[in-house]
N, C-alpha and C. Protein backbone atom coordinates (compact mmCIF):
# COMPACT_ATOMS: atom_id res chain seq x y z
N UNK A 1 -25.29 72.99 121.97
CA UNK A 1 -24.98 72.72 120.59
C UNK A 1 -23.47 72.92 120.38
N UNK A 2 -22.83 71.92 119.85
CA UNK A 2 -21.40 71.98 119.59
C UNK A 2 -21.20 72.36 118.13
N UNK A 3 -20.42 73.41 117.93
CA UNK A 3 -20.14 73.87 116.57
C UNK A 3 -18.78 73.36 116.12
N UNK A 4 -18.75 72.79 114.97
CA UNK A 4 -17.48 72.30 114.44
C UNK A 4 -16.76 73.45 113.77
N UNK A 5 -15.52 73.66 114.15
CA UNK A 5 -14.70 74.74 113.59
C UNK A 5 -14.13 74.28 112.25
N UNK A 6 -14.30 75.11 111.23
CA UNK A 6 -13.79 74.74 109.91
C UNK A 6 -12.27 74.86 109.84
N UNK A 7 -11.68 75.46 110.86
CA UNK A 7 -10.22 75.62 110.91
C UNK A 7 -9.63 74.71 111.97
N UNK A 8 -10.10 73.50 112.05
CA UNK A 8 -9.64 72.56 113.06
C UNK A 8 -8.14 72.30 112.88
N UNK A 9 -7.48 72.14 114.00
CA UNK A 9 -6.05 71.85 113.96
C UNK A 9 -5.83 70.44 113.46
N UNK A 10 -4.73 70.29 112.76
CA UNK A 10 -4.33 68.98 112.27
C UNK A 10 -3.08 68.58 113.02
N UNK A 11 -3.08 67.42 113.61
CA UNK A 11 -1.93 66.95 114.36
C UNK A 11 -0.82 66.52 113.40
N UNK A 12 0.38 66.95 113.71
CA UNK A 12 1.54 66.60 112.89
C UNK A 12 2.51 65.78 113.73
N UNK A 13 3.21 64.91 113.10
CA UNK A 13 4.21 64.08 113.77
C UNK A 13 5.52 64.85 113.84
N UNK A 14 6.01 65.11 115.06
CA UNK A 14 7.22 65.93 115.26
C UNK A 14 8.46 65.33 114.59
N UNK A 15 8.47 64.02 114.42
CA UNK A 15 9.62 63.39 113.76
C UNK A 15 9.63 63.66 112.25
N UNK A 16 8.46 64.05 111.70
CA UNK A 16 8.36 64.34 110.27
C UNK A 16 8.54 65.81 109.95
N UNK A 17 8.67 66.64 110.97
CA UNK A 17 8.90 68.07 110.76
C UNK A 17 10.39 68.35 110.93
N UNK A 18 10.93 69.11 110.02
CA UNK A 18 12.37 69.40 110.02
C UNK A 18 12.60 70.87 110.32
N UNK A 19 13.63 71.13 111.13
CA UNK A 19 14.06 72.48 111.46
C UNK A 19 15.40 72.71 110.80
N UNK A 20 15.51 73.82 110.08
CA UNK A 20 16.80 74.23 109.50
C UNK A 20 17.13 75.59 110.12
N UNK A 21 18.27 75.65 110.81
CA UNK A 21 18.66 76.88 111.48
C UNK A 21 19.26 77.88 110.50
N UNK A 22 19.06 79.16 110.81
CA UNK A 22 19.65 80.23 110.01
C UNK A 22 21.17 80.22 110.22
N UNK A 23 21.93 80.85 109.32
CA UNK A 23 23.38 80.94 109.51
C UNK A 23 23.75 81.59 110.85
N UNK A 24 22.97 82.56 111.30
CA UNK A 24 23.27 83.22 112.57
C UNK A 24 23.11 82.27 113.76
N UNK A 25 22.07 81.44 113.71
CA UNK A 25 21.85 80.46 114.78
C UNK A 25 22.92 79.37 114.70
N UNK A 26 23.28 78.96 113.50
CA UNK A 26 24.36 77.99 113.35
C UNK A 26 25.66 78.54 113.94
N UNK A 27 25.93 79.82 113.70
CA UNK A 27 27.12 80.46 114.28
C UNK A 27 27.06 80.47 115.80
N UNK A 28 25.87 80.72 116.36
CA UNK A 28 25.72 80.72 117.82
C UNK A 28 25.99 79.34 118.38
N UNK A 29 25.44 78.30 117.74
CA UNK A 29 25.73 76.93 118.19
C UNK A 29 27.22 76.62 118.04
N UNK A 30 27.84 77.11 116.99
CA UNK A 30 29.28 76.92 116.78
C UNK A 30 30.07 77.59 117.91
N UNK A 31 29.67 78.79 118.31
CA UNK A 31 30.34 79.50 119.41
C UNK A 31 30.17 78.74 120.73
N UNK A 32 29.00 78.18 120.94
CA UNK A 32 28.77 77.37 122.14
C UNK A 32 29.68 76.14 122.12
N UNK A 33 29.77 75.49 120.97
CA UNK A 33 30.62 74.30 120.85
C UNK A 33 32.09 74.65 121.11
N UNK A 34 32.54 75.77 120.58
CA UNK A 34 33.94 76.18 120.80
C UNK A 34 34.18 76.41 122.29
N UNK A 35 33.26 77.09 122.95
CA UNK A 35 33.42 77.38 124.38
C UNK A 35 33.36 76.10 125.22
N UNK A 36 32.58 75.12 124.78
CA UNK A 36 32.38 73.90 125.56
C UNK A 36 33.35 72.79 125.20
N UNK A 37 34.14 72.98 124.17
CA UNK A 37 34.96 71.89 123.60
C UNK A 37 35.71 71.09 124.67
N UNK A 38 36.47 71.71 125.51
CA UNK A 38 37.29 71.00 126.49
C UNK A 38 36.78 71.17 127.92
N UNK A 39 35.54 71.57 128.06
CA UNK A 39 34.98 71.84 129.38
C UNK A 39 34.70 70.55 130.14
N UNK A 40 35.10 70.53 131.39
CA UNK A 40 34.76 69.42 132.28
C UNK A 40 33.33 69.56 132.79
N UNK A 41 32.71 70.69 132.49
CA UNK A 41 31.37 71.00 133.00
C UNK A 41 30.31 70.94 131.90
N UNK A 42 30.63 70.29 130.79
CA UNK A 42 29.69 70.20 129.67
C UNK A 42 29.70 68.76 129.19
N UNK A 43 28.57 68.11 129.25
CA UNK A 43 28.45 66.69 128.88
C UNK A 43 28.90 66.46 127.44
N UNK A 44 29.76 65.48 127.21
CA UNK A 44 30.28 65.22 125.85
C UNK A 44 29.19 64.87 124.83
N UNK A 45 28.15 64.17 125.26
CA UNK A 45 27.06 63.82 124.34
C UNK A 45 26.28 65.08 123.92
N UNK A 46 26.07 65.97 124.86
CA UNK A 46 25.37 67.22 124.55
C UNK A 46 26.26 68.10 123.68
N UNK A 47 27.55 68.08 123.95
CA UNK A 47 28.50 68.81 123.11
C UNK A 47 28.37 68.35 121.65
N UNK A 48 28.28 67.07 121.42
CA UNK A 48 28.16 66.53 120.05
C UNK A 48 26.88 67.03 119.38
N UNK A 49 25.80 67.11 120.13
CA UNK A 49 24.55 67.63 119.57
C UNK A 49 24.73 69.08 119.16
N UNK A 50 25.30 69.89 120.06
CA UNK A 50 25.52 71.31 119.76
C UNK A 50 26.41 71.45 118.52
N UNK A 51 27.45 70.66 118.46
CA UNK A 51 28.36 70.72 117.31
C UNK A 51 27.62 70.35 116.02
N UNK A 52 26.79 69.32 116.09
CA UNK A 52 26.01 68.92 114.91
C UNK A 52 25.05 70.03 114.48
N UNK A 53 24.44 70.70 115.45
CA UNK A 53 23.47 71.75 115.14
C UNK A 53 24.13 73.00 114.56
N UNK A 54 25.44 73.09 114.66
CA UNK A 54 26.13 74.25 114.08
C UNK A 54 26.30 74.08 112.56
N UNK A 55 25.95 72.91 112.05
CA UNK A 55 26.04 72.65 110.62
C UNK A 55 24.74 72.98 109.91
N UNK A 56 24.71 72.67 108.64
CA UNK A 56 23.57 73.05 107.80
C UNK A 56 22.51 71.95 107.69
N UNK A 57 22.74 70.82 108.31
CA UNK A 57 21.80 69.70 108.19
C UNK A 57 20.55 69.95 109.05
N UNK A 58 19.36 69.79 108.46
CA UNK A 58 18.13 69.98 109.25
C UNK A 58 17.98 68.87 110.29
N UNK A 59 17.29 69.20 111.37
CA UNK A 59 17.01 68.23 112.43
C UNK A 59 15.50 68.14 112.61
N UNK A 60 15.05 67.10 113.27
CA UNK A 60 13.60 66.98 113.49
C UNK A 60 13.17 67.88 114.64
N UNK A 61 11.92 68.30 114.59
CA UNK A 61 11.35 69.08 115.69
C UNK A 61 11.42 68.25 116.97
N UNK A 62 11.18 66.96 116.84
CA UNK A 62 11.27 66.06 118.00
C UNK A 62 12.65 66.14 118.64
N UNK A 63 13.70 66.02 117.84
CA UNK A 63 15.06 66.08 118.38
C UNK A 63 15.35 67.43 119.03
N UNK A 64 14.85 68.51 118.42
CA UNK A 64 15.04 69.83 119.01
C UNK A 64 14.37 69.92 120.38
N UNK A 65 13.13 69.47 120.46
CA UNK A 65 12.38 69.56 121.71
C UNK A 65 13.01 68.71 122.80
N UNK A 66 13.56 67.57 122.44
CA UNK A 66 14.18 66.68 123.41
C UNK A 66 15.52 67.23 123.89
N UNK A 67 16.29 67.86 123.02
CA UNK A 67 17.67 68.25 123.35
C UNK A 67 17.83 69.67 123.86
N UNK A 68 16.91 70.58 123.58
CA UNK A 68 17.15 71.98 123.95
C UNK A 68 17.22 72.16 125.47
N UNK A 69 16.43 71.43 126.23
CA UNK A 69 16.50 71.52 127.69
C UNK A 69 17.85 71.09 128.24
N UNK A 70 18.33 69.90 127.88
CA UNK A 70 19.66 69.49 128.34
C UNK A 70 20.79 70.41 127.86
N UNK A 71 20.64 70.98 126.67
CA UNK A 71 21.65 71.95 126.20
C UNK A 71 21.68 73.15 127.14
N UNK A 72 20.50 73.67 127.47
CA UNK A 72 20.43 74.81 128.40
C UNK A 72 21.02 74.45 129.76
N UNK A 73 20.70 73.26 130.24
CA UNK A 73 21.23 72.81 131.54
C UNK A 73 22.76 72.78 131.52
N UNK A 74 23.33 72.24 130.45
CA UNK A 74 24.79 72.15 130.35
C UNK A 74 25.43 73.53 130.22
N UNK A 75 24.79 74.41 129.46
CA UNK A 75 25.27 75.79 129.35
C UNK A 75 25.33 76.46 130.71
N UNK A 76 24.26 76.36 131.46
CA UNK A 76 24.20 77.01 132.76
C UNK A 76 25.21 76.39 133.73
N UNK A 77 25.37 75.08 133.68
CA UNK A 77 26.37 74.43 134.55
C UNK A 77 27.77 74.92 134.21
N UNK A 78 28.06 75.01 132.93
CA UNK A 78 29.38 75.48 132.48
C UNK A 78 29.60 76.93 132.92
N UNK A 79 28.63 77.79 132.68
CA UNK A 79 28.76 79.21 133.04
C UNK A 79 28.89 79.36 134.55
N UNK A 80 28.09 78.62 135.30
CA UNK A 80 28.13 78.70 136.75
C UNK A 80 29.49 78.27 137.30
N UNK A 81 30.05 77.22 136.72
CA UNK A 81 31.32 76.68 137.22
C UNK A 81 32.52 77.49 136.76
N UNK A 82 32.44 78.10 135.59
CA UNK A 82 33.63 78.73 135.00
C UNK A 82 33.56 80.24 134.85
N UNK A 83 32.35 80.78 134.89
CA UNK A 83 32.14 82.22 134.60
C UNK A 83 32.68 82.58 133.22
N UNK A 84 32.56 81.65 132.29
CA UNK A 84 33.08 81.80 130.93
C UNK A 84 32.27 82.84 130.16
N UNK A 85 32.88 83.99 129.92
CA UNK A 85 32.20 85.09 129.22
C UNK A 85 31.91 84.74 127.76
N UNK A 86 32.76 83.92 127.13
CA UNK A 86 32.50 83.55 125.74
C UNK A 86 31.23 82.70 125.63
N UNK A 87 30.98 81.86 126.65
CA UNK A 87 29.75 81.06 126.65
C UNK A 87 28.55 81.96 126.90
N UNK A 88 28.70 82.94 127.77
CA UNK A 88 27.60 83.88 128.03
C UNK A 88 27.25 84.61 126.74
N UNK A 89 28.26 85.08 126.00
CA UNK A 89 28.02 85.78 124.73
C UNK A 89 27.36 84.86 123.71
N UNK A 90 27.83 83.61 123.64
CA UNK A 90 27.24 82.64 122.70
C UNK A 90 25.78 82.37 123.04
N UNK A 91 25.48 82.24 124.33
CA UNK A 91 24.10 82.02 124.78
C UNK A 91 23.23 83.22 124.42
N UNK A 92 23.75 84.42 124.68
CA UNK A 92 23.01 85.65 124.33
C UNK A 92 22.75 85.71 122.82
N UNK A 93 23.75 85.32 122.05
CA UNK A 93 23.63 85.31 120.59
C UNK A 93 22.53 84.34 120.15
N UNK A 94 22.53 83.15 120.73
CA UNK A 94 21.50 82.16 120.40
C UNK A 94 20.11 82.67 120.78
N UNK A 95 20.00 83.23 121.98
CA UNK A 95 18.71 83.72 122.46
C UNK A 95 18.19 84.89 121.63
N UNK A 96 19.08 85.68 121.07
CA UNK A 96 18.61 86.81 120.26
C UNK A 96 18.30 86.39 118.83
N UNK A 97 19.03 85.44 118.27
CA UNK A 97 18.82 85.07 116.87
C UNK A 97 17.73 84.01 116.67
N UNK A 98 17.58 83.10 117.60
CA UNK A 98 16.61 82.00 117.41
C UNK A 98 15.18 82.51 117.22
N UNK A 99 14.69 83.45 118.05
CA UNK A 99 13.32 83.92 117.83
C UNK A 99 13.16 84.85 116.64
N UNK A 100 14.22 85.41 116.15
CA UNK A 100 14.17 86.39 115.05
C UNK A 100 14.38 85.69 113.71
N UNK A 101 13.47 84.85 113.33
CA UNK A 101 13.57 84.10 112.06
C UNK A 101 14.86 83.29 112.00
N UNK A 102 15.19 82.69 113.13
CA UNK A 102 16.42 81.91 113.22
C UNK A 102 16.29 80.49 112.75
N UNK A 103 15.14 80.14 112.20
CA UNK A 103 14.94 78.78 111.74
C UNK A 103 13.79 78.73 110.75
N UNK A 104 13.76 77.66 109.99
CA UNK A 104 12.64 77.37 109.09
C UNK A 104 12.18 75.95 109.40
N UNK A 105 10.88 75.74 109.32
CA UNK A 105 10.32 74.41 109.58
C UNK A 105 9.69 73.92 108.29
N UNK A 106 9.95 72.67 107.97
CA UNK A 106 9.33 72.05 106.80
C UNK A 106 8.88 70.65 107.18
N UNK A 107 7.99 70.12 106.38
CA UNK A 107 7.49 68.77 106.63
C UNK A 107 8.16 67.81 105.68
N UNK A 108 8.64 66.71 106.22
CA UNK A 108 9.25 65.66 105.40
C UNK A 108 8.18 65.00 104.56
N UNK A 109 8.58 64.53 103.44
CA UNK A 109 7.65 63.73 102.62
C UNK A 109 7.47 62.39 103.29
N UNK A 110 6.23 61.99 103.45
CA UNK A 110 5.97 60.71 104.08
C UNK A 110 6.02 59.63 103.03
N UNK A 111 6.66 58.54 103.40
CA UNK A 111 6.76 57.40 102.49
C UNK A 111 5.50 56.57 102.54
N UNK A 112 5.04 56.17 101.40
CA UNK A 112 3.85 55.30 101.34
C UNK A 112 4.31 53.85 101.42
N UNK A 113 3.54 53.07 102.12
CA UNK A 113 3.91 51.65 102.29
C UNK A 113 3.29 50.81 101.23
């Protein structure tokens, strides 16, 4: 006998969910952008994403999930190549603030056709 759970999960579209970073997380992304600004070891496209995320504009959960891996990869490549202590501190700052209420998630209003 299969029992239907009254608390069934509802699937949400990641492009319709928005993430707004806390000021502390925005500062961490800003510190990463400053450290990576002229780095030969940090992809310019990823740099632009990090710079954008240091602002107050919300991003989609989809964009966050797609970009956070490449951001980490670029951070590690930069740190490995340069031993840049400011990037290490910025990474530590991001890692400590992001899980500690470092963001808010909201759902976009869906447009009716």
